[in-house]
C-alpha atoms as a PDB file:
ATOM      1  CA  UNK A   1      -7.123 -27.632  39.085  1.00  0.00           C
ATOM      2  CA  UNK A   2      -7.112 -29.808  42.016  1.00  0.00           C
ATOM      3  CA  UNK A   3      -7.007 -28.481  45.455  1.00  0.00           C
ATOM      4  CA  UNK A   4      -4.973 -30.289  47.918  1.00  0.00           C
ATOM      5  CA  UNK A   5      -7.520 -30.784  50.660  1.00  0.00           C
ATOM      6  CA  UNK A   6      -6.119 -31.831  53.949  1.00  0.00           C
ATOM      7  CA  UNK A   7      -8.257 -32.536  56.972  1.00  0.00           C
ATOM      8  CA  UNK A   8      -8.152 -29.785  59.448  1.00  0.00           C
ATOM      9  CA  UNK A   9      -6.790 -30.943  62.749  1.00  0.00           C
ATOM     10  CA  UNK A  10      -7.209 -29.060  65.925  1.00  0.00           C
ATOM     11  CA  UNK A  11      -3.926 -28.891  67.745  1.00  0.00           C
ATOM     12  CA  UNK A  12      -5.600 -29.727  71.060  1.00  0.00           C
ATOM     13  CA  UNK A  13      -7.240 -32.828  69.656  1.00  0.00           C
ATOM     14  CA  UNK A  14      -5.436 -36.047  69.168  1.00  0.00           C
ATOM     15  CA  UNK A  15      -6.161 -38.236  66.168  1.00  0.00           C
ATOM     16  CA  UNK A  16      -7.386 -41.527  67.562  1.00  0.00           C
ATOM     17  CA  UNK A  17      -6.136 -44.728  66.115  1.00  0.00           C
ATOM     18  CA  UNK A  18      -8.822 -47.421  66.376  1.00  0.00           C
ATOM     19  CA  UNK A  19      -6.150 -50.111  66.904  1.00  0.00           C
ATOM     20  CA  UNK A  20      -4.480 -48.283  69.768  1.00  0.00           C
ATOM     21  CA  UNK A  21      -5.396 -49.382  73.327  1.00  0.00           C
ATOM     22  CA  UNK A  22      -6.367 -46.553  75.611  1.00  0.00           C
ATOM     23  CA  UNK A  23      -4.756 -47.487  78.956  1.00  0.00           C
ATOM     24  CA  UNK A  24      -6.449 -44.646  80.779  1.00  0.00           C
ATOM     25  CA  UNK A  25      -9.945 -45.900  79.914  1.00  0.00           C
ATOM     26  CA  UNK A  26      -9.061 -49.437  80.983  1.00  0.00           C
ATOM     27  CA  UNK A  27      -7.718 -48.209  84.336  1.00  0.00           C
ATOM     28  CA  UNK A  28     -10.842 -46.139  84.979  1.00  0.00           C
ATOM     29  CA  UNK A  29     -13.083 -49.172  84.199  1.00  0.00           C
ATOM     30  CA  UNK A  30     -11.078 -51.388  86.577  1.00  0.00           C
ATOM     31  CA  UNK A  31     -11.229 -48.833  89.351  1.00  0.00           C
ATOM     32  CA  UNK A  32     -14.989 -48.578  88.979  1.00  0.00           C
ATOM     33  CA  UNK A  33     -15.320 -52.375  88.950  1.00  0.00           C
ATOM     34  CA  UNK A  34     -13.218 -52.805  92.105  1.00  0.00           C
ATOM     35  CA  UNK A  35     -15.169 -50.065  93.843  1.00  0.00           C
ATOM     36  CA  UNK A  36     -18.480 -51.789  93.071  1.00  0.00           C
ATOM     37  CA  UNK A  37     -17.137 -55.160  94.236  1.00  0.00           C
ATOM     38  CA  UNK A  38     -15.943 -53.519  97.448  1.00  0.00           C
ATOM     39  CA  UNK A  39     -19.381 -51.981  98.106  1.00  0.00           C
ATOM     40  CA  UNK A  40     -21.147 -55.317  97.436  1.00  0.00           C
ATOM     41  CA  UNK A  41     -18.741 -57.129  99.767  1.00  0.00           C
ATOM     42  CA  UNK A  42     -19.417 -54.638 102.561  1.00  0.00           C
ATOM     43  CA  UNK A  43     -23.209 -55.117 102.242  1.00  0.00           C
ATOM     44  CA  UNK A  44     -22.826 -58.907 102.322  1.00  0.00           C
ATOM     45  CA  UNK A  45     -20.633 -58.733 105.429  1.00  0.00           C
ATOM     46  CA  UNK A  46     -23.088 -56.433 107.236  1.00  0.00           C
ATOM     47  CA  UNK A  47     -26.001 -58.717 106.358  1.00  0.00           C
ATOM     48  CA  UNK A  48     -24.098 -61.835 107.482  1.00  0.00           C
ATOM     49  CA  UNK A  49     -23.104 -60.270 110.797  1.00  0.00           C
ATOM     50  CA  UNK A  50     -26.732 -59.298 111.469  1.00  0.00           C
ATOM     51  CA  UNK A  51     -27.919 -62.845 110.750  1.00  0.00           C
ATOM     52  CA  UNK A  52     -25.290 -64.366 112.987  1.00  0.00           C
ATOM     53  CA  UNK A  53     -25.797 -61.930 115.826  1.00  0.00           C
ATOM     54  CA  UNK A  54     -29.542 -62.396 116.271  1.00  0.00           C
ATOM     55  CA  UNK A  55     -30.333 -63.561 119.802  1.00  0.00           C
ATOM     56  CA  UNK A  56     -31.373 -67.202 119.651  1.00  0.00           C
ATOM     57  CA  UNK A  57     -31.196 -67.920 123.373  1.00  0.00           C
ATOM     58  CA  UNK A  58     -34.220 -68.919 125.366  1.00  0.00           C
ATOM     59  CA  UNK A  59     -35.358 -65.984 127.490  1.00  0.00           C
ATOM     60  CA  UNK A  60     -35.613 -66.551 131.195  1.00  0.00           C
ATOM     61  CA  UNK A  61     -39.294 -66.148 131.915  1.00  0.00           C
ATOM     62  CA  UNK A  62     -42.073 -68.008 133.652  1.00  0.00           C
ATOM     63  CA  UNK A  63     -43.101 -71.140 131.842  1.00  0.00           C
ATOM     64  CA  UNK A  64     -46.224 -70.614 129.798  1.00  0.00           C
ATOM     65  CA  UNK A  65     -47.734 -73.058 127.383  1.00  0.00           C
ATOM     66  CA  UNK A  66     -47.131 -72.222 123.753  1.00  0.00           C
ATOM     67  CA  UNK A  67     -49.851 -72.206 121.145  1.00  0.00           C
ATOM     68  CA  UNK A  68     -47.834 -74.020 118.501  1.00  0.00           C
ATOM     69  CA  UNK A  69     -47.245 -77.738 118.776  1.00  0.00           C
ATOM     70  CA  UNK A  70     -43.697 -79.063 118.815  1.00  0.00           C
ATOM     71  CA  UNK A  71     -42.650 -81.638 116.273  1.00  0.00           C
ATOM     72  CA  UNK A  72     -42.273 -85.074 117.795  1.00  0.00           C
ATOM     73  CA  UNK A  73     -38.605 -85.861 117.876  1.00  0.00           C
ATOM     74  CA  UNK A  74     -38.971 -89.247 119.648  1.00  0.00           C
ATOM     75  CA  UNK A  75     -35.417 -89.645 120.949  1.00  0.00           C
ATOM     76  CA  UNK A  76     -36.717 -92.487 123.131  1.00  0.00           C
ATOM     77  CA  UNK A  77     -37.910 -95.745 121.685  1.00  0.00           C
ATOM     78  CA  UNK A  78     -41.620 -96.023 122.299  1.00  0.00           C
ATOM     79  CA  UNK A  79     -43.273 -99.327 123.099  1.00  0.00           C
ATOM     80  CA  UNK A  80     -47.042 -98.792 122.945  1.00  0.00           C
ATOM     81  CA  UNK A  81     -47.819-102.358 124.051  1.00  0.00           C
ATOM     82  CA  UNK A  82     -45.362-102.369 126.974  1.00  0.00           C
ATOM     83  CA  UNK A  83     -46.849-102.100 130.438  1.00  0.00           C
ATOM     84  CA  UNK A  84     -46.508 -98.658 131.986  1.00  0.00           C
ATOM     85  CA  UNK A  85     -44.954 -97.842 135.316  1.00  0.00           C
ATOM     86  CA  UNK A  86     -47.820 -96.245 137.187  1.00  0.00           C
ATOM     87  CA  UNK A  87     -47.374 -92.519 137.936  1.00  0.00           C
ATOM     88  CA  UNK A  88     -44.023 -92.034 136.184  1.00  0.00           C
ATOM     89  CA  UNK A  89     -42.845 -90.052 133.187  1.00  0.00           C
ATOM     90  CA  UNK A  90     -39.518 -89.944 131.365  1.00  0.00           C
ATOM     91  CA  UNK A  91     -38.650 -86.383 130.308  1.00  0.00           C
ATOM     92  CA  UNK A  92     -35.720 -85.234 128.139  1.00  0.00           C
ATOM     93  CA  UNK A  93     -34.435 -81.682 128.159  1.00  0.00           C
ATOM     94  CA  UNK A  94     -33.409 -80.164 124.840  1.00  0.00           C
ATOM     95  CA  UNK A  95     -29.731 -80.065 123.946  1.00  0.00           C
ATOM     96  CA  UNK A  96     -28.078 -77.081 125.627  1.00  0.00           C
ATOM     97  CA  UNK A  97     -31.051 -76.748 128.029  1.00  0.00           C
ATOM     98  CA  UNK A  98     -30.007 -79.303 130.652  1.00  0.00           C
ATOM     99  CA  UNK A  99     -31.616 -78.563 134.030  1.00  0.00           C
ATOM    100  CA  UNK A 100     -28.293 -78.290 135.886  1.00  0.00           C
ATOM    101  CA  UNK A 101     -26.979 -75.758 133.325  1.00  0.00           C
ATOM    102  CA  UNK A 102     -29.994 -73.417 133.561  1.00  0.00           C
ATOM    103  CA  UNK A 103     -29.941 -70.259 135.647  1.00  0.00           C
ATOM    104  CA  UNK A 104     -31.062 -70.822 139.248  1.00  0.00           C
ATOM    105  CA  UNK A 105     -34.157 -68.640 138.782  1.00  0.00           C
ATOM    106  CA  UNK A 106     -35.172 -70.702 135.733  1.00  0.00           C
ATOM    107  CA  UNK A 107     -34.581 -73.946 137.624  1.00  0.00           C
ATOM    108  CA  UNK A 108     -36.911 -72.684 140.348  1.00  0.00           C
ATOM    109  CA  UNK A 109     -39.557 -71.678 137.796  1.00  0.00           C
ATOM    110  CA  UNK A 110     -39.470 -75.107 136.158  1.00  0.00           C
ATOM    111  CA  UNK A 111     -39.570 -76.842 139.551  1.00  0.00           C
ATOM    112  CA  UNK A 112     -42.657 -74.869 140.564  1.00  0.00           C
ATOM    113  CA  UNK A 113     -44.293 -75.549 137.190  1.00  0.00           C
ATOM    114  CA  UNK A 114     -43.620 -79.291 137.527  1.00  0.00           C
ATOM    115  CA  UNK A 115     -45.007 -79.326 141.086  1.00  0.00           C
ATOM    116  CA  UNK A 116     -48.150 -77.504 139.916  1.00  0.00           C
ATOM    117  CA  UNK A 117     -48.627 -80.269 137.338  1.00  0.00           C
ATOM    118  CA  UNK A 118     -48.337 -83.148 139.779  1.00  0.00           C
ATOM    119  CA  UNK A 119     -44.604 -83.893 139.820  1.00  0.00           C
ATOM    120  CA  UNK A 120     -43.307 -84.869 143.267  1.00  0.00           C
ATOM    121  CA  UNK A 121     -39.728 -85.758 142.246  1.00  0.00           C
ATOM    122  CA  UNK A 122     -37.314 -85.262 139.400  1.00  0.00           C
ATOM    123  CA  UNK A 123     -34.112 -87.313 139.169  1.00  0.00           C
ATOM    124  CA  UNK A 124     -31.675 -88.264 136.426  1.00  0.00           C
ATOM    125  CA  UNK A 125     -32.948 -91.363 134.648  1.00  0.00           C
ATOM    126  CA  UNK A 126     -29.520 -92.604 133.535  1.00  0.00           C
ATOM    127  CA  UNK A 127     -26.065 -92.393 135.067  1.00  0.00           C
ATOM    128  CA  UNK A 128     -24.292 -90.965 131.980  1.00  0.00           C
ATOM    129  CA  UNK A 129     -22.405 -87.708 131.459  1.00  0.00           C
ATOM    130  CA  UNK A 130     -23.147 -86.856 127.831  1.00  0.00           C
ATOM    131  CA  UNK A 131     -25.523 -87.551 124.963  1.00  0.00           C
ATOM    132  CA  UNK A 132     -29.329 -87.546 124.927  1.00  0.00           C
ATOM    133  CA  UNK A 133     -29.591 -89.929 127.902  1.00  0.00           C
ATOM    134  CA  UNK A 134     -27.695 -87.465 130.122  1.00  0.00           C
ATOM    135  CA  UNK A 135     -30.584 -85.026 129.644  1.00  0.00           C
ATOM    136  CA  UNK A 136     -33.216 -87.604 130.592  1.00  0.00           C
ATOM    137  CA  UNK A 137     -35.066 -87.410 133.909  1.00  0.00           C
ATOM    138  CA  UNK A 138     -37.488 -89.687 135.709  1.00  0.00           C
ATOM    139  CA  UNK A 139     -40.505 -87.757 136.981  1.00  0.00           C
ATOM    140  CA  UNK A 140     -42.702 -89.261 139.686  1.00  0.00           C
ATOM    141  CA  UNK A 141     -46.265 -87.963 139.885  1.00  0.00           C
ATOM    142  CA  UNK A 142     -48.658 -87.551 142.812  1.00  0.00           C
ATOM    143  CA  UNK A 143     -51.222 -90.277 143.154  1.00  0.00           C
ATOM    144  CA  UNK A 144     -54.298 -89.639 141.006  1.00  0.00           C
ATOM    145  CA  UNK A 145     -52.586 -87.339 138.482  1.00  0.00           C
ATOM    146  CA  UNK A 146     -53.432 -88.129 134.849  1.00  0.00           C
ATOM    147  CA  UNK A 147     -50.098 -89.196 133.277  1.00  0.00           C
ATOM    148  CA  UNK A 148     -51.021 -88.219 129.689  1.00  0.00           C
ATOM    149  CA  UNK A 149     -52.317 -84.779 130.648  1.00  0.00           C
ATOM    150  CA  UNK A 150     -49.272 -84.061 132.814  1.00  0.00           C
ATOM    151  CA  UNK A 151     -47.007 -85.138 129.913  1.00  0.00           C
ATOM    152  CA  UNK A 152     -48.803 -82.772 127.504  1.00  0.00           C
ATOM    153  CA  UNK A 153     -48.451 -79.801 129.858  1.00  0.00           C
ATOM    154  CA  UNK A 154     -44.779 -80.511 130.653  1.00  0.00           C
ATOM    155  CA  UNK A 155     -44.003 -80.961 126.935  1.00  0.00           C
ATOM    156  CA  UNK A 156     -45.007 -77.332 126.345  1.00  0.00           C
ATOM    157  CA  UNK A 157     -41.984 -76.068 128.316  1.00  0.00           C
ATOM    158  CA  UNK A 158     -39.446 -74.675 125.801  1.00  0.00           C
ATOM    159  CA  UNK A 159     -36.584 -76.506 127.534  1.00  0.00           C
ATOM    160  CA  UNK A 160     -38.255 -79.914 127.114  1.00  0.00           C
ATOM    161  CA  UNK A 161     -37.476 -82.060 124.083  1.00  0.00           C
ATOM    162  CA  UNK A 162     -39.684 -85.078 124.857  1.00  0.00           C
ATOM    163  CA  UNK A 163     -41.958 -86.462 127.570  1.00  0.00           C
ATOM    164  CA  UNK A 164     -43.600 -89.865 127.652  1.00  0.00           C
ATOM    165  CA  UNK A 165     -44.960 -92.372 130.120  1.00  0.00           C
ATOM    166  CA  UNK A 166     -42.338 -94.643 131.666  1.00  0.00           C
ATOM    167  CA  UNK A 167     -42.737 -98.213 130.430  1.00  0.00           C
ATOM    168  CA  UNK A 168     -41.375-101.550 131.558  1.00  0.00           C
ATOM    169  CA  UNK A 169     -39.234-102.889 128.765  1.00  0.00           C
ATOM    170  CA  UNK A 170     -37.579-106.285 128.929  1.00  0.00           C
ATOM    171  CA  UNK A 171     -36.067-108.822 126.629  1.00  0.00           C
ATOM    172  CA  UNK A 172     -38.506-111.071 124.803  1.00  0.00           C
END
């Protein structure tokens, strides 16, 4: 005698077919994935905005020498064997830090600092409107001022890109 045994099936339970695609599960997975991507994108945007919005401007304060040494950018050709013009320096302001574009108070601070370090006049070295030469100034020093020492002190100003003794350069 054989009993006909049939699997008992709960009416509330559905028999799952392994070959059948469950759309509901796929939709839930995609929603979770899109939510995670959205959260990651928000964090990246917040981080990027913070990096871009950091204040990189030079604060307006009294000039004080810095402890770290600037890298030599040498925008001017240097001629170590050329004769020097006695008591003169060529100074170049950094890009975006041109003297005429600085706040009046900062211009006054720099002028006082230059005077304290032996500068008696500051005038544009070249008659050009743009490029590195437009930021170049001829500095005349008081008689007896050490040119190299004055150049070292002036070079420590954050607005200054380069300072060097003025030299006489001619064709061969």
